[in-house]
């Protein structure tokens, strides 16, 4: 089991720090998406996600339409 961690992301050049505390893995998750960082209009946006996958990297890839052969 991976411990419970608080994620801090410094934003440069503003110096702002974003913080997010994901829920602990409780259902056999082996992979987690913690945040999404994306362009929006002329700036950047950050969204807290906290999505866990008990199917690992293959499950994440499948959610984005990538076929993973065993």
N, C-alpha and C. Protein backbone atom coordinates (compact mmCIF):
# COMPACT_ATOMS: atom_id res chain seq x y z
N UNK A 1 0.84 -1.19 0.00
CA UNK A 1 0.00 0.00 0.00
C UNK A 1 0.88 1.24 0.00
N UNK A 2 0.54 2.21 -0.81
CA UNK A 2 1.27 3.47 -0.85
C UNK A 2 0.67 4.39 0.19
N UNK A 3 1.55 5.10 0.89
CA UNK A 3 1.10 5.98 1.96
C UNK A 3 0.28 7.15 1.46
N UNK A 4 -0.33 7.83 2.37
CA UNK A 4 -1.16 8.99 2.11
C UNK A 4 -0.24 10.20 2.02
N UNK A 5 -0.25 10.93 0.89
CA UNK A 5 0.67 12.03 0.70
C UNK A 5 -0.06 13.30 0.29
N UNK A 6 0.53 14.42 0.68
CA UNK A 6 0.02 15.72 0.26
C UNK A 6 0.90 16.20 -0.88
N UNK A 7 0.32 16.54 -2.01
CA UNK A 7 1.05 16.99 -3.18
C UNK A 7 1.08 18.51 -3.21
N UNK A 8 2.28 19.07 -3.37
CA UNK A 8 2.44 20.52 -3.50
C UNK A 8 3.04 20.79 -4.87
N UNK A 9 2.43 21.67 -5.65
CA UNK A 9 2.92 22.01 -6.98
C UNK A 9 3.18 23.51 -7.02
N UNK A 10 4.47 23.92 -7.09
CA UNK A 10 4.75 25.36 -7.20
C UNK A 10 4.43 25.85 -8.61
N UNK A 11 3.82 27.02 -8.71
CA UNK A 11 3.48 27.61 -10.00
C UNK A 11 4.43 28.78 -10.24
N UNK A 12 5.22 28.67 -11.31
CA UNK A 12 6.20 29.69 -11.61
C UNK A 12 5.70 30.47 -12.82
N UNK A 13 5.80 31.74 -12.97
CA UNK A 13 6.55 32.68 -12.14
C UNK A 13 5.75 33.33 -11.02
N UNK A 14 4.46 32.98 -10.87
CA UNK A 14 3.64 33.64 -9.86
C UNK A 14 4.07 33.31 -8.44
N UNK A 15 4.70 32.15 -8.23
CA UNK A 15 5.12 31.76 -6.89
C UNK A 15 3.99 31.12 -6.08
N UNK A 16 2.82 30.99 -6.66
CA UNK A 16 1.69 30.36 -5.99
C UNK A 16 1.95 28.87 -5.84
N UNK A 17 1.53 28.28 -4.73
CA UNK A 17 1.65 26.84 -4.55
C UNK A 17 0.26 26.23 -4.47
N UNK A 18 0.01 25.23 -5.31
CA UNK A 18 -1.25 24.50 -5.28
C UNK A 18 -1.06 23.26 -4.42
N UNK A 19 -2.03 22.94 -3.59
CA UNK A 19 -1.94 21.76 -2.74
C UNK A 19 -3.16 20.87 -2.95
N UNK A 20 -2.92 19.57 -2.92
CA UNK A 20 -3.99 18.59 -3.12
C UNK A 20 -3.64 17.35 -2.32
N UNK A 21 -4.59 16.85 -1.55
CA UNK A 21 -4.37 15.64 -0.76
C UNK A 21 -5.31 14.56 -1.26
N UNK A 22 -4.78 13.62 -2.09
CA UNK A 22 -5.64 12.56 -2.61
C UNK A 22 -6.03 11.57 -1.52
N UNK A 23 -7.14 10.92 -1.72
CA UNK A 23 -7.58 9.88 -0.77
C UNK A 23 -6.61 8.70 -0.83
N UNK A 24 -6.47 7.97 0.26
CA UNK A 24 -5.56 6.82 0.26
C UNK A 24 -6.07 5.70 -0.63
N UNK A 25 -5.15 4.90 -1.14
CA UNK A 25 -5.53 3.72 -1.93
C UNK A 25 -6.18 2.71 -0.98
N UNK A 26 -7.41 2.30 -1.29
CA UNK A 26 -8.11 1.36 -0.40
C UNK A 26 -8.68 0.16 -1.12
N UNK A 27 -8.65 0.18 -2.47
CA UNK A 27 -9.29 -0.90 -3.23
C UNK A 27 -8.32 -1.59 -4.19
N UNK A 28 -7.06 -1.68 -3.82
CA UNK A 28 -6.09 -2.35 -4.66
C UNK A 28 -5.54 -1.52 -5.79
N UNK A 29 -5.69 -0.20 -5.72
CA UNK A 29 -5.18 0.66 -6.78
C UNK A 29 -3.65 0.54 -6.85
N UNK A 30 -3.14 0.56 -8.08
CA UNK A 30 -1.70 0.53 -8.28
C UNK A 30 -1.21 1.76 -9.03
N UNK A 31 -2.16 2.58 -9.46
CA UNK A 31 -1.85 3.78 -10.23
C UNK A 31 -2.89 4.83 -9.91
N UNK A 32 -2.47 6.09 -9.89
CA UNK A 32 -3.41 7.16 -9.61
C UNK A 32 -3.08 8.40 -10.43
N UNK A 33 -4.11 9.03 -10.96
CA UNK A 33 -3.97 10.36 -11.57
C UNK A 33 -4.31 11.35 -10.46
N UNK A 34 -3.37 12.20 -10.13
CA UNK A 34 -3.58 13.13 -9.03
C UNK A 34 -4.11 14.47 -9.52
N UNK A 35 -3.48 15.03 -10.55
CA UNK A 35 -3.93 16.31 -11.11
C UNK A 35 -3.83 16.29 -12.63
N UNK A 36 -4.61 17.15 -13.26
CA UNK A 36 -4.50 17.39 -14.70
C UNK A 36 -4.13 18.86 -14.88
N UNK A 37 -3.13 19.10 -15.71
CA UNK A 37 -2.71 20.47 -16.03
C UNK A 37 -2.94 20.65 -17.53
N UNK A 38 -3.69 21.68 -17.90
CA UNK A 38 -4.04 21.84 -19.31
C UNK A 38 -4.15 23.32 -19.69
N UNK A 39 -3.97 23.58 -21.00
CA UNK A 39 -4.10 24.92 -21.53
C UNK A 39 -5.58 25.27 -21.68
N UNK A 40 -5.91 26.50 -21.34
CA UNK A 40 -7.27 26.99 -21.53
C UNK A 40 -7.16 28.46 -21.92
N UNK A 41 -7.68 28.78 -23.10
CA UNK A 41 -7.57 30.14 -23.65
C UNK A 41 -6.08 30.52 -23.68
N UNK A 42 -5.71 31.61 -23.03
CA UNK A 42 -4.31 32.06 -23.06
C UNK A 42 -3.54 31.67 -21.81
N UNK A 43 -4.14 30.85 -20.95
CA UNK A 43 -3.47 30.48 -19.71
C UNK A 43 -3.49 28.98 -19.45
N UNK A 44 -3.18 28.62 -18.24
CA UNK A 44 -3.16 27.22 -17.80
C UNK A 44 -4.20 27.02 -16.72
N UNK A 45 -4.74 25.81 -16.66
CA UNK A 45 -5.67 25.43 -15.59
C UNK A 45 -5.18 24.15 -14.95
N UNK A 46 -5.48 23.98 -13.68
CA UNK A 46 -5.12 22.78 -12.93
C UNK A 46 -6.39 22.24 -12.30
N UNK A 47 -6.60 20.94 -12.45
CA UNK A 47 -7.79 20.30 -11.89
C UNK A 47 -7.36 19.12 -11.03
N UNK A 48 -7.82 19.07 -9.79
CA UNK A 48 -7.57 17.93 -8.92
C UNK A 48 -8.42 16.76 -9.39
N UNK A 49 -7.81 15.57 -9.54
CA UNK A 49 -8.54 14.42 -10.06
C UNK A 49 -8.68 13.34 -8.99
N UNK A 50 -7.59 12.74 -8.56
CA UNK A 50 -7.64 11.70 -7.53
C UNK A 50 -8.27 10.40 -8.02
N UNK A 51 -8.09 10.05 -9.29
CA UNK A 51 -8.67 8.83 -9.86
C UNK A 51 -7.68 7.68 -9.73
N UNK A 52 -8.08 6.60 -9.08
CA UNK A 52 -7.22 5.43 -8.92
C UNK A 52 -7.59 4.31 -9.87
N UNK A 53 -6.62 3.47 -10.22
CA UNK A 53 -6.83 2.34 -11.13
C UNK A 53 -6.29 1.07 -10.48
N UNK A 54 -7.15 0.07 -10.32
CA UNK A 54 -6.67 -1.22 -9.82
C UNK A 54 -6.19 -2.10 -10.97
N UNK A 55 -6.33 -1.59 -12.21
CA UNK A 55 -5.87 -2.32 -13.39
C UNK A 55 -4.54 -1.78 -13.90
N UNK A 56 -3.92 -0.89 -13.15
CA UNK A 56 -2.61 -0.37 -13.48
C UNK A 56 -2.58 0.50 -14.72
N UNK A 57 -1.39 0.55 -15.33
CA UNK A 57 -1.18 1.40 -16.49
C UNK A 57 -2.06 1.00 -17.67
N UNK A 58 -2.33 -0.31 -17.81
CA UNK A 58 -3.20 -0.78 -18.90
C UNK A 58 -4.61 -0.19 -18.76
N UNK A 59 -5.12 -0.09 -17.54
CA UNK A 59 -6.44 0.49 -17.31
C UNK A 59 -6.48 1.97 -17.66
N UNK A 60 -5.43 2.69 -17.30
CA UNK A 60 -5.33 4.11 -17.64
C UNK A 60 -5.28 4.28 -19.15
N UNK A 61 -4.45 3.49 -19.82
CA UNK A 61 -4.33 3.57 -21.28
C UNK A 61 -5.67 3.29 -21.95
N UNK A 62 -6.38 2.27 -21.47
CA UNK A 62 -7.68 1.91 -22.05
C UNK A 62 -8.68 3.06 -21.91
N UNK A 63 -8.64 3.78 -20.80
CA UNK A 63 -9.55 4.92 -20.61
C UNK A 63 -9.28 6.04 -21.61
N UNK A 64 -8.07 6.09 -22.15
CA UNK A 64 -7.73 7.10 -23.15
C UNK A 64 -7.73 6.53 -24.56
N UNK A 65 -8.34 5.33 -24.74
CA UNK A 65 -8.54 4.76 -26.06
C UNK A 65 -7.33 4.03 -26.64
N UNK A 66 -6.38 3.66 -25.79
CA UNK A 66 -5.19 2.96 -26.26
C UNK A 66 -5.36 1.47 -26.00
N UNK A 67 -5.19 0.66 -27.03
CA UNK A 67 -5.27 -0.79 -26.88
C UNK A 67 -3.95 -1.33 -26.31
N UNK A 68 -4.05 -2.10 -25.25
CA UNK A 68 -2.86 -2.71 -24.64
C UNK A 68 -3.03 -4.21 -24.74
N UNK A 69 -2.09 -4.85 -25.45
CA UNK A 69 -2.13 -6.31 -25.58
C UNK A 69 -1.43 -6.96 -24.41
N UNK A 70 -2.01 -8.06 -23.90
CA UNK A 70 -1.37 -8.73 -22.74
C UNK A 70 -0.05 -9.36 -23.09
